[in-house]
Amino acid sequence: MSEGAGQSSIYAMESESPRVGSEAPETTGTITIRRKSPEDVQQRQIIVKVDGTNVGELFYGDTISVPVTAGHHKLKVDNTWNWKTLELDVAAGEHLRFQTVSRAGRITWFLVSLFGAGPIYVSIEREE
């Protein structure tokens, strides 16, 4: 699923969801999600879903671009411990860009040292 070092480009199949990537270019927009923040703990994959359809996984340094039909969509990022969902509207020809980050909590590293695992929280923010 990777195209070059550190970059993924994953597109939903037309048969998976009629709302994701199935319309003519003049009626679509694009959602791009990247995971490249220096604040990221660089652990766990982040699962990306658009309108409930799994469109890929991001490891640190990866980017996913997804063509979507113009209209209202739900973008969900999930690191298997924590998830966030954004509701957004995409206009035809629009390209929305987001950054997602996995961050350690206040006691994460203490719990990791004690039990070998601890909570890592995910966030997503729009980039202008």
C-alpha atoms as a PDB file:
ATOM      1  CA  MET A   1       0.000   0.000   0.000  1.00  0.00           C
ATOM      2  CA  SER A   2       2.989   2.320   0.180  1.00  0.00           C
ATOM      3  CA  GLU A   3       4.217   4.569  -2.574  1.00  0.00           C
ATOM      4  CA  GLY A   4       7.791   5.487  -1.753  1.00  0.00           C
ATOM      5  CA  ALA A   5       9.374   5.894   1.635  1.00  0.00           C
ATOM      6  CA  GLY A   6       7.027   7.172   4.298  1.00  0.00           C
ATOM      7  CA  GLN A   7       4.092   7.951   2.027  1.00  0.00           C
ATOM      8  CA  SER A   8       0.931   5.986   1.441  1.00  0.00           C
ATOM      9  CA  SER A   9      -1.711   6.831  -1.072  1.00  0.00           C
ATOM     10  CA  ILE A  10      -4.806   4.756  -0.465  1.00  0.00           C
ATOM     11  CA  TYR A  11      -8.100   5.115  -2.272  1.00  0.00           C
ATOM     12  CA  ALA A  12     -11.375   3.445  -1.358  1.00  0.00           C
ATOM     13  CA  MET A  13     -12.723   1.077  -3.948  1.00  0.00           C
ATOM     14  CA  GLU A  14     -15.960   2.112  -5.653  1.00  0.00           C
ATOM     15  CA  SER A  15     -17.677  -1.069  -4.487  1.00  0.00           C
ATOM     16  CA  GLU A  16     -16.811  -0.363  -0.826  1.00  0.00           C
ATOM     17  CA  SER A  17     -18.819   2.836  -0.490  1.00  0.00           C
ATOM     18  CA  PRO A  18     -20.745   4.816  -3.076  1.00  0.00           C
ATOM     19  CA  ARG A  19     -19.832   8.071  -1.311  1.00  0.00           C
ATOM     20  CA  VAL A  20     -16.057   7.606  -1.311  1.00  0.00           C
ATOM     21  CA  GLY A  21     -14.175   7.951  -4.588  1.00  0.00           C
ATOM     22  CA  SER A  22     -16.957   6.921  -6.984  1.00  0.00           C
ATOM     23  CA  GLU A  23     -18.011  10.124  -8.746  1.00  0.00           C
ATOM     24  CA  ALA A  24     -16.657  12.053 -11.728  1.00  0.00           C
ATOM     25  CA  PRO A  25     -13.768  14.451 -10.895  1.00  0.00           C
ATOM     26  CA  GLU A  26     -15.971  17.562 -11.246  1.00  0.00           C
ATOM     27  CA  THR A  27     -18.201  16.340  -8.381  1.00  0.00           C
ATOM     28  CA  THR A  28     -15.416  15.218  -6.039  1.00  0.00           C
ATOM     29  CA  GLY A  29     -13.107  16.732  -3.504  1.00  0.00           C
ATOM     30  CA  THR A  30     -10.096  15.307  -1.688  1.00  0.00           C
ATOM     31  CA  ILE A  31      -9.319  14.694   1.967  1.00  0.00           C
ATOM     32  CA  THR A  32      -5.633  14.325   2.873  1.00  0.00           C
ATOM     33  CA  ILE A  33      -4.506  13.153   6.305  1.00  0.00           C
ATOM     34  CA  ARG A  34      -0.846  13.188   7.294  1.00  0.00           C
ATOM     35  CA  ARG A  35       1.046  11.969  10.348  1.00  0.00           C
ATOM     36  CA  LYS A  36       4.318  13.861  10.539  1.00  0.00           C
ATOM     37  CA  SER A  37       4.208  15.955  13.735  1.00  0.00           C
ATOM     38  CA  PRO A  38       7.392  16.008  15.839  1.00  0.00           C
ATOM     39  CA  GLU A  39       5.037  15.727  18.865  1.00  0.00           C
ATOM     40  CA  ASP A  40       3.892  12.266  17.717  1.00  0.00           C
ATOM     41  CA  VAL A  41       5.098   9.353  19.879  1.00  0.00           C
ATOM     42  CA  GLN A  42       5.597   7.355  16.657  1.00  0.00           C
ATOM     43  CA  GLN A  43       3.936   4.245  18.058  1.00  0.00           C
ATOM     44  CA  ARG A  44       0.782   2.416  16.975  1.00  0.00           C
ATOM     45  CA  GLN A  45      -0.838   2.759  13.606  1.00  0.00           C
ATOM     46  CA  ILE A  46      -3.716   5.189  13.136  1.00  0.00           C
ATOM     47  CA  ILE A  47      -6.697   3.728  11.278  1.00  0.00           C
ATOM     48  CA  VAL A  48      -8.453   6.225   9.004  1.00  0.00           C
ATOM     49  CA  LYS A  49     -12.132   5.914   8.071  1.00  0.00           C
ATOM     50  CA  VAL A  50     -14.298   8.114   5.883  1.00  0.00           C
ATOM     51  CA  ASP A  51     -18.053   7.646   6.339  1.00  0.00           C
ATOM     52  CA  GLY A  52     -17.401   4.353   8.112  1.00  0.00           C
ATOM     53  CA  THR A  53     -15.233   2.929   5.307  1.00  0.00           C
ATOM     54  CA  ASN A  54     -11.682   1.998   6.263  1.00  0.00           C
ATOM     55  CA  VAL A  55      -9.435   3.862   3.807  1.00  0.00           C
ATOM     56  CA  GLY A  56      -6.067   2.925   5.312  1.00  0.00           C
ATOM     57  CA  GLU A  57      -3.628   3.032   8.197  1.00  0.00           C
ATOM     58  CA  LEU A  58      -1.037   5.685   8.952  1.00  0.00           C
ATOM     59  CA  PHE A  59       2.300   4.951  10.532  1.00  0.00           C
ATOM     60  CA  TYR A  60       4.536   7.874  11.495  1.00  0.00           C
ATOM     61  CA  GLY A  61       5.594   9.768   8.354  1.00  0.00           C
ATOM     62  CA  ASP A  62       2.689   8.497   6.197  1.00  0.00           C
ATOM     63  CA  THR A  63       0.070  10.463   4.251  1.00  0.00           C
ATOM     64  CA  ILE A  64      -3.266   9.296   2.846  1.00  0.00           C
ATOM     65  CA  SER A  65      -5.295  11.144   0.190  1.00  0.00           C
ATOM     66  CA  VAL A  66      -8.883  10.059  -0.386  1.00  0.00           C
ATOM     67  CA  PRO A  67     -11.178  11.313  -3.169  1.00  0.00           C
ATOM     68  CA  VAL A  68     -14.729  11.858  -1.887  1.00  0.00           C
ATOM     69  CA  THR A  69     -17.998  13.052  -3.352  1.00  0.00           C
ATOM     70  CA  ALA A  70     -18.911  16.645  -2.613  1.00  0.00           C
ATOM     71  CA  GLY A  71     -21.066  16.873   0.497  1.00  0.00           C
ATOM     72  CA  HIS A  72     -21.101  16.009   4.190  1.00  0.00           C
ATOM     73  CA  HIS A  73     -18.636  13.396   5.518  1.00  0.00           C
ATOM     74  CA  LYS A  74     -17.390  11.868   8.762  1.00  0.00           C
ATOM     75  CA  LEU A  75     -13.633  11.489   9.137  1.00  0.00           C
ATOM     76  CA  LYS A  76     -12.521   9.153  11.941  1.00  0.00           C
ATOM     77  CA  VAL A  77      -8.999   8.440  13.191  1.00  0.00           C
ATOM     78  CA  ASP A  78      -8.449   5.564  15.614  1.00  0.00           C
ATOM     79  CA  ASN A  79      -5.199   4.332  17.176  1.00  0.00           C
ATOM     80  CA  THR A  80      -6.976   1.271  18.681  1.00  0.00           C
ATOM     81  CA  TRP A  81      -6.862   2.887  22.132  1.00  0.00           C
ATOM     82  CA  ASN A  82      -8.593   6.206  21.441  1.00  0.00           C
ATOM     83  CA  TRP A  83     -10.469   7.742  18.504  1.00  0.00           C
ATOM     84  CA  LYS A  84     -11.663  11.114  17.233  1.00  0.00           C
ATOM     85  CA  THR A  85     -14.357  11.878  14.659  1.00  0.00           C
ATOM     86  CA  LEU A  86     -14.773  15.071  12.648  1.00  0.00           C
ATOM     87  CA  GLU A  87     -17.840  16.012  10.647  1.00  0.00           C
ATOM     88  CA  LEU A  88     -17.001  18.100   7.607  1.00  0.00           C
ATOM     89  CA  ASP A  89     -18.357  19.393   4.340  1.00  0.00           C
ATOM     90  CA  VAL A  90     -16.349  19.031   1.147  1.00  0.00           C
ATOM     91  CA  ALA A  91     -17.109  21.143  -1.925  1.00  0.00           C
ATOM     92  CA  ALA A  92     -16.464  19.934  -5.480  1.00  0.00           C
ATOM     93  CA  GLY A  93     -12.791  20.513  -6.289  1.00  0.00           C
ATOM     94  CA  GLU A  94     -11.907  21.281  -2.646  1.00  0.00           C
ATOM     95  CA  HIS A  95      -8.837  19.719  -1.018  1.00  0.00           C
ATOM     96  CA  LEU A  96      -9.051  19.515   2.784  1.00  0.00           C
ATOM     97  CA  ARG A  97      -5.850  18.736   4.681  1.00  0.00           C
ATOM     98  CA  PHE A  98      -5.566  17.352   8.210  1.00  0.00           C
ATOM     99  CA  GLN A  99      -2.803  16.275  10.547  1.00  0.00           C
ATOM    100  CA  THR A 100      -3.252  13.463  13.057  1.00  0.00           C
ATOM    101  CA  VAL A 101      -1.020  12.880  16.074  1.00  0.00           C
ATOM    102  CA  SER A 102      -0.644  10.090  18.648  1.00  0.00           C
ATOM    103  CA  ARG A 103       0.349  11.592  22.003  1.00  0.00           C
ATOM    104  CA  ALA A 104       1.298  10.059  25.325  1.00  0.00           C
ATOM    105  CA  GLY A 105      -0.868  10.852  28.340  1.00  0.00           C
ATOM    106  CA  ARG A 106       0.427  12.174  31.681  1.00  0.00           C
ATOM    107  CA  ILE A 107       1.131   8.734  33.117  1.00  0.00           C
ATOM    108  CA  THR A 108       1.689   6.783  29.896  1.00  0.00           C
ATOM    109  CA  TRP A 109       5.432   6.231  30.309  1.00  0.00           C
ATOM    110  CA  PHE A 110       5.008   5.296  33.989  1.00  0.00           C
ATOM    111  CA  LEU A 111       2.450   2.644  33.007  1.00  0.00           C
ATOM    112  CA  VAL A 112       4.673   1.435  30.166  1.00  0.00           C
ATOM    113  CA  SER A 113       7.566   0.968  32.600  1.00  0.00           C
ATOM    114  CA  LEU A 114       5.309  -0.918  35.047  1.00  0.00           C
ATOM    115  CA  PHE A 115       3.094  -2.971  32.726  1.00  0.00           C
ATOM    116  CA  GLY A 116       4.665  -2.705  29.304  1.00  0.00           C
ATOM    117  CA  ALA A 117       1.701  -0.739  27.915  1.00  0.00           C
ATOM    118  CA  GLY A 118      -0.011   2.590  28.473  1.00  0.00           C
ATOM    119  CA  PRO A 119      -2.591   4.902  26.916  1.00  0.00           C
ATOM    120  CA  ILE A 120      -1.736   6.841  23.773  1.00  0.00           C
ATOM    121  CA  TYR A 121      -4.261   9.458  22.673  1.00  0.00           C
ATOM    122  CA  VAL A 122      -5.040  10.468  19.094  1.00  0.00           C
ATOM    123  CA  SER A 123      -5.936  13.930  17.834  1.00  0.00           C
ATOM    124  CA  ILE A 124      -6.745  15.409  14.434  1.00  0.00           C
ATOM    125  CA  GLU A 125      -6.659  19.033  13.336  1.00  0.00           C
ATOM    126  CA  ARG A 126      -7.285  20.796  10.062  1.00  0.00           C
ATOM    127  CA  GLU A 127      -4.308  22.363   8.322  1.00  0.00           C
ATOM    128  CA  GLU A 128      -4.840  25.574   6.437  1.00  0.00           C
END
